[in-house]
Amino acid sequence: MSDENSTDLAGEVGQNLPYLRRYARALTGSQERGDTYAMAALEAILDDPAAYHRSLGAKPALFKVFHTIWSTLGGYMDDEETGLTGKAQRHLAKLTSNTREALLLYTIEDMDYDDIAAIMDIPRDEAVSLVDIAFQEMAKSVAGKVMIIEDEAIIAVDLEGIVAEMGHRITGTASTEEAAVALADQEKPELILSDIQLADMSSGIDAVNRILEKHGDIPVVFITAYPERLLTGEGPEPAFLISKPYKEDQVRSAVSQAMFFSSTETLRA
């Protein structure tokens, strides 16, 4: 491969690596395991650049390499996990094979059915079927108490409607760090849906950190207009991350996933 092609390839992969990390973390429920798979995909491309099918487009090509590794290893996850992740493993064992992958690609990563089919190496109609099945199975996830941290009133109301329609109960909405901590003290939520930048220039990350330190492990879904800033690979980062502007299906998918498959390491602001 020429130096010019190598530079182009590095640029394409680097631009889409944050999104591969996001996907891998949501898929495994762990920053560490997700990043391990993502790095394995990069190493595979370095060892064999031909594995990167540029004709698919930069992002699908990268995700296809990842999926080749993921499927070869059987989507391995630690059988000895405890806590939230252990509960998730037991839940996942009941789901139809490949539905979570298809759902995350379709919703969180905004892939179309043709891209999903190419990435997963399946026919297009199977990709459509897997996404449909995933939505049905996710709709059956256990309902819980959801707290929303969001300073934009219109978005907060929209999120409340989406989450309530899924069968979850809203414990309340907070627009600042202090209000969020106080709200969690009133009633411990079973999931937190949080913006990053809040009304008084306080931090949703700081609010979540304080809540988790006080109340223990709680699934968290972050919403931000700049997801790449939280997917650098430096320090603890979220497993569930939605980009603004979001789609309703993205919120539904992330909330359902995080309810039973979550990594909630505290974050550095």
C-alpha atoms as a PDB file:
ATOM      1  CA  MET A   1       0.000   0.000   0.000  1.00  0.00           C
ATOM      2  CA  SER A   2       1.375   3.421  -0.936  1.00  0.00           C
ATOM      3  CA  ASP A   3       2.128   6.059   1.697  1.00  0.00           C
ATOM      4  CA  GLU A   4      -0.744   8.150   0.329  1.00  0.00           C
ATOM      5  CA  ASN A   5      -3.207   5.279   0.621  1.00  0.00           C
ATOM      6  CA  SER A   6      -1.921   4.489   4.104  1.00  0.00           C
ATOM      7  CA  THR A   7      -2.509   8.094   5.138  1.00  0.00           C
ATOM      8  CA  ASP A   8      -6.029   8.060   3.683  1.00  0.00           C
ATOM      9  CA  LEU A   9      -6.818   4.789   5.458  1.00  0.00           C
ATOM     10  CA  ALA A  10      -5.512   6.087   8.777  1.00  0.00           C
ATOM     11  CA  GLY A  11      -7.633   9.210   8.397  1.00  0.00           C
ATOM     12  CA  GLU A  12     -10.798   7.263   7.596  1.00  0.00           C
ATOM     13  CA  VAL A  13     -10.323   4.839  10.473  1.00  0.00           C
ATOM     14  CA  GLY A  14      -9.389   7.575  12.921  1.00  0.00           C
ATOM     15  CA  GLN A  15     -12.464   9.618  12.040  1.00  0.00           C
ATOM     16  CA  ASN A  16     -14.801   6.712  12.748  1.00  0.00           C
ATOM     17  CA  LEU A  17     -12.986   5.112  15.667  1.00  0.00           C
ATOM     18  CA  PRO A  18     -14.972   7.044  18.333  1.00  0.00           C
ATOM     19  CA  TYR A  19     -18.199   5.604  16.937  1.00  0.00           C
ATOM     20  CA  LEU A  20     -16.780   2.082  16.845  1.00  0.00           C
ATOM     21  CA  ARG A  21     -15.831   2.514  20.503  1.00  0.00           C
ATOM     22  CA  ARG A  22     -19.364   3.683  21.293  1.00  0.00           C
ATOM     23  CA  TYR A  23     -20.882   0.699  19.509  1.00  0.00           C
ATOM     24  CA  ALA A  24     -18.473  -1.834  21.024  1.00  0.00           C
ATOM     25  CA  ARG A  25     -19.117  -0.515  24.529  1.00  0.00           C
ATOM     26  CA  ALA A  26     -22.888  -0.635  24.123  1.00  0.00           C
ATOM     27  CA  LEU A  27     -22.599  -4.126  22.669  1.00  0.00           C
ATOM     28  CA  THR A  28     -20.447  -5.510  25.486  1.00  0.00           C
ATOM     29  CA  GLY A  29     -21.705  -3.257  28.277  1.00  0.00           C
ATOM     30  CA  SER A  30     -18.120  -2.428  29.222  1.00  0.00           C
ATOM     31  CA  GLN A  31     -15.627   0.264  28.295  1.00  0.00           C
ATOM     32  CA  GLU A  32     -12.711  -2.102  28.799  1.00  0.00           C
ATOM     33  CA  ARG A  33     -14.088  -5.027  26.800  1.00  0.00           C
ATOM     34  CA  GLY A  34     -15.525  -2.766  24.133  1.00  0.00           C
ATOM     35  CA  ASP A  35     -12.213  -1.003  23.621  1.00  0.00           C
ATOM     36  CA  THR A  36     -10.425  -4.350  23.508  1.00  0.00           C
ATOM     37  CA  TYR A  37     -12.584  -5.433  20.570  1.00  0.00           C
ATOM     38  CA  ALA A  38     -12.170  -2.050  18.875  1.00  0.00           C
ATOM     39  CA  MET A  39      -8.388  -2.240  19.188  1.00  0.00           C
ATOM     40  CA  ALA A  40      -8.439  -5.782  17.835  1.00  0.00           C
ATOM     41  CA  ALA A  41     -10.212  -4.445  14.737  1.00  0.00           C
ATOM     42  CA  LEU A  42      -7.506  -1.812  14.256  1.00  0.00           C
ATOM     43  CA  GLU A  43      -4.781  -4.422  14.619  1.00  0.00           C
ATOM     44  CA  ALA A  44      -6.523  -6.623  12.048  1.00  0.00           C
ATOM     45  CA  ILE A  45      -6.557  -3.747   9.548  1.00  0.00           C
ATOM     46  CA  LEU A  46      -2.868  -3.043  10.161  1.00  0.00           C
ATOM     47  CA  ASP A  47      -2.024  -6.723   9.641  1.00  0.00           C
ATOM     48  CA  ASP A  48      -4.214  -7.035   6.546  1.00  0.00           C
ATOM     49  CA  PRO A  49      -5.385  -3.767   4.944  1.00  0.00           C
ATOM     50  CA  ALA A  50      -7.373  -5.826   2.417  1.00  0.00           C
ATOM     51  CA  ALA A  51      -9.762  -6.736   5.238  1.00  0.00           C
ATOM     52  CA  TYR A  52     -10.918  -3.117   5.163  1.00  0.00           C
ATOM     53  CA  HIS A  53     -13.453  -3.061   2.303  1.00  0.00           C
ATOM     54  CA  ARG A  54     -13.294   0.603   1.338  1.00  0.00           C
ATOM     55  CA  SER A  55     -16.050   0.181  -1.268  1.00  0.00           C
ATOM     56  CA  LEU A  56     -18.585  -0.169   1.578  1.00  0.00           C
ATOM     57  CA  GLY A  57     -17.799   3.323   2.848  1.00  0.00           C
ATOM     58  CA  ALA A  58     -15.466   4.290   5.677  1.00  0.00           C
ATOM     59  CA  LYS A  59     -17.709   3.593   8.668  1.00  0.00           C
ATOM     60  CA  PRO A  60     -19.307   0.333   7.425  1.00  0.00           C
ATOM     61  CA  ALA A  61     -15.863  -0.936   6.351  1.00  0.00           C
ATOM     62  CA  LEU A  62     -14.458  -0.411   9.851  1.00  0.00           C
ATOM     63  CA  PHE A  63     -17.498  -1.948  11.525  1.00  0.00           C
ATOM     64  CA  LYS A  64     -17.327  -4.972   9.222  1.00  0.00           C
ATOM     65  CA  VAL A  65     -13.775  -5.727  10.364  1.00  0.00           C
ATOM     66  CA  PHE A  66     -14.975  -5.445  13.955  1.00  0.00           C
ATOM     67  CA  HIS A  67     -17.885  -7.810  13.284  1.00  0.00           C
ATOM     68  CA  THR A  68     -15.643 -10.391  11.689  1.00  0.00           C
ATOM     69  CA  ILE A  69     -13.686 -10.538  14.942  1.00  0.00           C
ATOM     70  CA  TRP A  70     -16.813 -10.346  17.128  1.00  0.00           C
ATOM     71  CA  SER A  71     -18.564 -13.219  15.343  1.00  0.00           C
ATOM     72  CA  THR A  72     -15.400 -15.331  15.165  1.00  0.00           C
ATOM     73  CA  LEU A  73     -15.000 -15.119  18.933  1.00  0.00           C
ATOM     74  CA  GLY A  74     -18.695 -15.780  19.411  1.00  0.00           C
ATOM     75  CA  GLY A  75     -19.370 -12.380  20.969  1.00  0.00           C
ATOM     76  CA  TYR A  76     -17.468 -13.489  24.057  1.00  0.00           C
ATOM     77  CA  MET A  77     -18.393 -11.876  27.349  1.00  0.00           C
ATOM     78  CA  ASP A  78     -17.244 -12.822  30.828  1.00  0.00           C
ATOM     79  CA  ASP A  79     -19.485 -15.501  32.367  1.00  0.00           C
ATOM     80  CA  GLU A  80     -18.392 -14.510  35.861  1.00  0.00           C
ATOM     81  CA  GLU A  81     -19.742 -10.950  35.718  1.00  0.00           C
ATOM     82  CA  THR A  82     -21.802  -9.840  38.723  1.00  0.00           C
ATOM     83  CA  GLY A  83     -23.993  -6.854  39.517  1.00  0.00           C
ATOM     84  CA  LEU A  84     -25.684  -5.000  36.670  1.00  0.00           C
ATOM     85  CA  THR A  85     -23.585  -6.638  33.973  1.00  0.00           C
ATOM     86  CA  GLY A  86     -24.162 -10.109  35.381  1.00  0.00           C
ATOM     87  CA  LYS A  87     -27.909  -9.474  35.397  1.00  0.00           C
ATOM     88  CA  ALA A  88     -27.600  -8.300  31.833  1.00  0.00           C
ATOM     89  CA  GLN A  89     -25.800 -11.469  30.769  1.00  0.00           C
ATOM     90  CA  ARG A  90     -28.687 -13.584  32.044  1.00  0.00           C
ATOM     91  CA  HIS A  91     -31.166 -11.391  30.196  1.00  0.00           C
ATOM     92  CA  LEU A  92     -29.165 -11.431  26.989  1.00  0.00           C
ATOM     93  CA  ALA A  93     -29.092 -15.211  26.951  1.00  0.00           C
ATOM     94  CA  LYS A  94     -32.835 -15.097  26.227  1.00  0.00           C
ATOM     95  CA  LEU A  95     -32.581 -12.777  23.222  1.00  0.00           C
ATOM     96  CA  THR A  96     -32.587 -13.886  19.604  1.00  0.00           C
ATOM     97  CA  SER A  97     -29.078 -14.201  18.198  1.00  0.00           C
ATOM     98  CA  ASN A  98     -27.718 -11.085  16.428  1.00  0.00           C
ATOM     99  CA  THR A  99     -30.697  -8.872  17.264  1.00  0.00           C
ATOM    100  CA  ARG A 100     -28.788  -6.565  19.614  1.00  0.00           C
ATOM    101  CA  GLU A 101     -26.054  -6.029  17.048  1.00  0.00           C
ATOM    102  CA  ALA A 102     -28.582  -5.191  14.339  1.00  0.00           C
ATOM    103  CA  LEU A 103     -30.573  -2.918  16.655  1.00  0.00           C
ATOM    104  CA  LEU A 104     -27.528  -0.937  17.789  1.00  0.00           C
ATOM    105  CA  LEU A 105     -26.288  -0.537  14.226  1.00  0.00           C
ATOM    106  CA  TYR A 106     -29.714   0.663  13.089  1.00  0.00           C
ATOM    107  CA  THR A 107     -30.508   2.995  15.968  1.00  0.00           C
ATOM    108  CA  ILE A 108     -27.390   4.204  17.777  1.00  0.00           C
ATOM    109  CA  GLU A 109     -25.121   4.155  14.708  1.00  0.00           C
ATOM    110  CA  ASP A 110     -27.837   5.192  12.227  1.00  0.00           C
ATOM    111  CA  MET A 111     -26.906   2.528   9.660  1.00  0.00           C
ATOM    112  CA  ASP A 112     -29.336   1.588   6.905  1.00  0.00           C
ATOM    113  CA  TYR A 113     -30.338  -2.010   6.231  1.00  0.00           C
ATOM    114  CA  ASP A 114     -27.894  -2.400   3.350  1.00  0.00           C
ATOM    115  CA  ASP A 115     -24.997  -1.339   5.574  1.00  0.00           C
ATOM    116  CA  ILE A 116     -26.155  -3.649   8.373  1.00  0.00           C
ATOM    117  CA  ALA A 117     -26.354  -6.555   5.946  1.00  0.00           C
ATOM    118  CA  ALA A 118     -22.851  -5.860   4.644  1.00  0.00           C
ATOM    119  CA  ILE A 119     -21.372  -5.431   8.129  1.00  0.00           C
ATOM    120  CA  MET A 120     -22.963  -8.578   9.542  1.00  0.00           C
ATOM    121  CA  ASP A 121     -22.556 -10.526   6.291  1.00  0.00           C
ATOM    122  CA  ILE A 122     -26.233 -11.426   6.071  1.00  0.00           C
ATOM    123  CA  PRO A 123     -28.994 -10.872   3.462  1.00  0.00           C
ATOM    124  CA  ARG A 124     -30.794  -7.516   3.611  1.00  0.00           C
ATOM    125  CA  ASP A 125     -34.153  -9.077   4.475  1.00  0.00           C
ATOM    126  CA  GLU A 126     -32.540 -10.832   7.437  1.00  0.00           C
ATOM    127  CA  ALA A 127     -31.186  -7.489   8.635  1.00  0.00           C
ATOM    128  CA  VAL A 128     -34.708  -6.026   8.467  1.00  0.00           C
ATOM    129  CA  SER A 129     -36.100  -9.019  10.355  1.00  0.00           C
ATOM    130  CA  LEU A 130     -33.443  -8.828  13.079  1.00  0.00           C
ATOM    131  CA  VAL A 131     -34.170  -5.159  13.729  1.00  0.00           C
ATOM    132  CA  ASP A 132     -37.916  -5.840  13.895  1.00  0.00           C
ATOM    133  CA  ILE A 133     -37.400  -8.709  16.339  1.00  0.00           C
ATOM    134  CA  ALA A 134     -35.061  -6.556  18.428  1.00  0.00           C
ATOM    135  CA  PHE A 135     -37.657  -3.813  18.789  1.00  0.00           C
ATOM    136  CA  GLN A 136     -40.222  -6.375  19.917  1.00  0.00           C
ATOM    137  CA  GLU A 137     -37.856  -7.918  22.449  1.00  0.00           C
ATOM    138  CA  MET A 138     -36.621  -4.589  23.760  1.00  0.00           C
ATOM    139  CA  ALA A 139     -40.236  -3.510  24.284  1.00  0.00           C
ATOM    140  CA  LYS A 140     -40.568  -6.375  26.756  1.00  0.00           C
ATOM    141  CA  SER A 141     -37.675  -5.171  28.916  1.00  0.00           C
ATOM    142  CA  VAL A 142     -38.452  -4.651  32.592  1.00  0.00           C
ATOM    143  CA  ALA A 143     -39.957  -1.255  33.380  1.00  0.00           C
ATOM    144  CA  GLY A 144     -38.137   0.921  35.882  1.00  0.00           C
ATOM    145  CA  LYS A 145     -37.729   4.351  37.448  1.00  0.00           C
ATOM    146  CA  VAL A 146     -35.955   6.852  35.180  1.00  0.00           C
ATOM    147  CA  MET A 147     -34.453  10.202  36.155  1.00  0.00           C
ATOM    148  CA  ILE A 148     -33.786  12.830  33.460  1.00  0.00           C
ATOM    149  CA  ILE A 149     -31.044  15.468  33.699  1.00  0.00           C
ATOM    150  CA  GLU A 150     -31.657  17.999  30.897  1.00  0.00           C
ATOM    151  CA  ASP A 151     -31.675  21.799  30.876  1.00  0.00           C
ATOM    152  CA  GLU A 152     -33.600  22.353  27.630  1.00  0.00           C
ATOM    153  CA  ALA A 153     -37.297  22.208  28.525  1.00  0.00           C
ATOM    154  CA  ILE A 154     -38.493  21.044  25.103  1.00  0.00           C
ATOM    155  CA  ILE A 155     -35.992  18.198  25.026  1.00  0.00           C
ATOM    156  CA  ALA A 156     -36.784  17.235  28.621  1.00  0.00           C
ATOM    157  CA  VAL A 157     -40.506  16.984  27.832  1.00  0.00           C
ATOM    158  CA  ASP A 158     -39.767  14.971  24.692  1.00  0.00           C
ATOM    159  CA  LEU A 159     -37.560  12.523  26.613  1.00  0.00           C
ATOM    160  CA  GLU A 160     -40.191  12.192  29.330  1.00  0.00           C
ATOM    161  CA  GLY A 161     -42.779  11.273  26.720  1.00  0.00           C
ATOM    162  CA  ILE A 162     -40.569   8.688  25.012  1.00  0.00           C
ATOM    163  CA  VAL A 163     -39.507   7.021  28.247  1.00  0.00           C
ATOM    164  CA  ALA A 164     -43.012   7.041  29.755  1.00  0.00           C
ATOM    165  CA  GLU A 165     -44.460   5.538  26.580  1.00  0.00           C
ATOM    166  CA  MET A 166     -41.973   2.674  26.987  1.00  0.00           C
ATOM    167  CA  GLY A 167     -43.599   1.862  30.323  1.00  0.00           C
ATOM    168  CA  HIS A 168     -41.010   3.441  32.614  1.00  0.00           C
ATOM    169  CA  ARG A 169     -41.864   5.859  35.438  1.00  0.00           C
ATOM    170  CA  ILE A 170     -40.186   9.274  35.507  1.00  0.00           C
ATOM    171  CA  THR A 171     -38.894  10.171  38.986  1.00  0.00           C
ATOM    172  CA  GLY A 172     -38.359  13.762  37.898  1.00  0.00           C
ATOM    173  CA  THR A 173     -36.336  16.109  35.699  1.00  0.00           C
ATOM    174  CA  ALA A 174     -33.409  18.276  36.810  1.00  0.00           C
ATOM    175  CA  SER A 175     -31.733  21.079  34.858  1.00  0.00           C
ATOM    176  CA  THR A 176     -28.660  21.662  37.072  1.00  0.00           C
ATOM    177  CA  GLU A 177     -26.079  19.533  38.874  1.00  0.00           C
ATOM    178  CA  GLU A 178     -27.327  20.427  42.360  1.00  0.00           C
ATOM    179  CA  ALA A 179     -30.956  19.844  41.411  1.00  0.00           C
ATOM    180  CA  ALA A 180     -30.038  16.442  39.977  1.00  0.00           C
ATOM    181  CA  VAL A 181     -28.242  15.347  43.139  1.00  0.00           C
ATOM    182  CA  ALA A 182     -31.177  16.515  45.269  1.00  0.00           C
ATOM    183  CA  LEU A 183     -33.663  14.716  43.032  1.00  0.00           C
ATOM    184  CA  ALA A 184     -31.744  11.445  43.319  1.00  0.00           C
ATOM    185  CA  ASP A 185     -31.754  11.843  47.101  1.00  0.00           C
ATOM    186  CA  GLN A 186     -35.554  12.071  47.062  1.00  0.00           C
ATOM    187  CA  GLU A 187     -35.936   8.827  45.115  1.00  0.00           C
ATOM    188  CA  LYS A 188     -33.156   6.631  43.809  1.00  0.00           C
ATOM    189  CA  PRO A 189     -33.647   6.047  40.066  1.00  0.00           C
ATOM    190  CA  GLU A 190     -33.026   2.757  38.269  1.00  0.00           C
ATOM    191  CA  LEU A 191     -31.669   4.571  35.215  1.00  0.00           C
ATOM    192  CA  ILE A 192     -30.353   8.087  34.562  1.00  0.00           C
ATOM    193  CA  LEU A 193     -30.734   9.847  31.221  1.00  0.00           C
ATOM    194  CA  SER A 194     -28.368  12.823  31.297  1.00  0.00           C
ATOM    195  CA  ASP A 195     -27.234  15.753  29.179  1.00  0.00           C
ATOM    196  CA  ILE A 196     -23.597  16.818  29.504  1.00  0.00           C
ATOM    197  CA  GLN A 197     -23.792  20.626  29.720  1.00  0.00           C
ATOM    198  CA  LEU A 198     -26.460  22.014  32.044  1.00  0.00           C
ATOM    199  CA  ALA A 199     -28.268  25.324  32.560  1.00  0.00           C
ATOM    200  CA  ASP A 200     -25.963  27.004  35.075  1.00  0.00           C
ATOM    201  CA  MET A 201     -22.812  25.841  33.263  1.00  0.00           C
ATOM    202  CA  SER A 202     -22.625  22.886  35.641  1.00  0.00           C
ATOM    203  CA  SER A 203     -21.831  19.399  34.396  1.00  0.00           C
ATOM    204  CA  GLY A 204     -24.096  16.438  33.858  1.00  0.00           C
ATOM    205  CA  ILE A 205     -21.016  14.261  34.212  1.00  0.00           C
ATOM    206  CA  ASP A 206     -20.276  15.720  37.654  1.00  0.00           C
ATOM    207  CA  ALA A 207     -23.916  15.279  38.655  1.00  0.00           C
ATOM    208  CA  VAL A 208     -23.896  11.628  37.622  1.00  0.00           C
ATOM    209  CA  ASN A 209     -20.579  10.993  39.368  1.00  0.00           C
ATOM    210  CA  ARG A 210     -21.922  12.415  42.625  1.00  0.00           C
ATOM    211  CA  ILE A 211     -25.136  10.396  42.361  1.00  0.00           C
ATOM    212  CA  LEU A 212     -23.288   7.142  41.670  1.00  0.00           C
ATOM    213  CA  GLU A 213     -20.827   7.731  44.490  1.00  0.00           C
ATOM    214  CA  LYS A 214     -23.727   8.224  46.893  1.00  0.00           C
ATOM    215  CA  HIS A 215     -26.279   5.710  45.630  1.00  0.00           C
ATOM    216  CA  GLY A 216     -24.185   2.991  44.006  1.00  0.00           C
ATOM    217  CA  ASP A 217     -24.242   1.477  40.534  1.00  0.00           C
ATOM    218  CA  ILE A 218     -27.041   2.866  38.325  1.00  0.00           C
ATOM    219  CA  PRO A 219     -27.291   2.520  34.523  1.00  0.00           C
ATOM    220  CA  VAL A 220     -26.601   5.825  32.736  1.00  0.00           C
ATOM    221  CA  VAL A 221     -27.290   7.026  29.200  1.00  0.00           C
ATOM    222  CA  PHE A 222     -25.556  10.274  28.231  1.00  0.00           C
ATOM    223  CA  ILE A 223     -26.825  12.656  25.541  1.00  0.00           C
ATOM    224  CA  THR A 224     -24.466  15.124  23.881  1.00  0.00           C
ATOM    225  CA  ALA A 225     -23.967  17.066  20.676  1.00  0.00           C
ATOM    226  CA  TYR A 226     -20.272  16.137  20.757  1.00  0.00           C
ATOM    227  CA  PRO A 227     -19.974  12.373  21.428  1.00  0.00           C
ATOM    228  CA  GLU A 228     -16.414  12.202  20.103  1.00  0.00           C
ATOM    229  CA  ARG A 229     -15.270  14.282  23.086  1.00  0.00           C
ATOM    230  CA  LEU A 230     -16.293  11.461  25.420  1.00  0.00           C
ATOM    231  CA  LEU A 231     -14.913   8.653  23.247  1.00  0.00           C
ATOM    232  CA  THR A 232     -11.200   9.383  23.195  1.00  0.00           C
ATOM    233  CA  GLY A 233     -10.056   6.230  24.969  1.00  0.00           C
ATOM    234  CA  GLU A 234      -8.504   8.344  27.734  1.00  0.00           C
ATOM    235  CA  GLY A 235      -9.856   7.551  31.182  1.00  0.00           C
ATOM    236  CA  PRO A 236     -13.310   6.193  32.139  1.00  0.00           C
ATOM    237  CA  GLU A 237     -15.961   6.865  29.499  1.00  0.00           C
ATOM    238  CA  PRO A 238     -19.662   6.004  29.088  1.00  0.00           C
ATOM    239  CA  ALA A 239     -20.871   2.806  27.487  1.00  0.00           C
ATOM    240  CA  PHE A 240     -24.184   4.350  26.408  1.00  0.00           C
ATOM    241  CA  LEU A 241     -24.003   7.602  24.494  1.00  0.00           C
ATOM    242  CA  ILE A 242     -26.609   9.270  22.229  1.00  0.00           C
ATOM    243  CA  SER A 243     -25.749  12.068  19.809  1.00  0.00           C
ATOM    244  CA  LYS A 244     -27.836  15.240  19.530  1.00  0.00           C
ATOM    245  CA  PRO A 245     -30.000  15.703  17.591  1.00  0.00           C
ATOM    246  CA  TYR A 246     -31.298  12.256  18.486  1.00  0.00           C
ATOM    247  CA  LYS A 247     -34.011  10.057  17.013  1.00  0.00           C
ATOM    248  CA  GLU A 248     -36.755   8.489  19.113  1.00  0.00           C
ATOM    249  CA  ASP A 249     -35.568   4.987  18.190  1.00  0.00           C
ATOM    250  CA  GLN A 250     -32.087   5.836  19.493  1.00  0.00           C
ATOM    251  CA  VAL A 251     -33.463   6.826  22.873  1.00  0.00           C
ATOM    252  CA  ARG A 252     -35.663   3.749  23.054  1.00  0.00           C
ATOM    253  CA  SER A 253     -32.801   1.444  22.149  1.00  0.00           C
ATOM    254  CA  ALA A 254     -30.265   3.000  24.533  1.00  0.00           C
ATOM    255  CA  VAL A 255     -32.698   3.091  27.459  1.00  0.00           C
ATOM    256  CA  SER A 256     -33.735  -0.535  26.931  1.00  0.00           C
ATOM    257  CA  GLN A 257     -30.128  -1.674  26.548  1.00  0.00           C
ATOM    258  CA  ALA A 258     -28.864   0.260  29.551  1.00  0.00           C
ATOM    259  CA  MET A 259     -31.690  -0.974  31.776  1.00  0.00           C
ATOM    260  CA  PHE A 260     -30.175  -4.459  31.748  1.00  0.00           C
ATOM    261  CA  PHE A 261     -26.685  -4.109  30.302  1.00  0.00           C
ATOM    262  CA  SER A 262     -24.670  -1.273  31.697  1.00  0.00           C
ATOM    263  CA  SER A 263     -21.245  -0.019  32.656  1.00  0.00           C
ATOM    264  CA  THR A 264     -21.433   3.043  34.870  1.00  0.00           C
ATOM    265  CA  GLU A 265     -17.829   3.809  35.746  1.00  0.00           C
ATOM    266  CA  THR A 266     -17.527   7.344  37.076  1.00  0.00           C
ATOM    267  CA  LEU A 267     -16.215   9.862  34.544  1.00  0.00           C
ATOM    268  CA  ARG A 268     -13.693  12.637  34.562  1.00  0.00           C
ATOM    269  CA  ALA A 269     -15.105  16.009  33.533  1.00  0.00           C
END
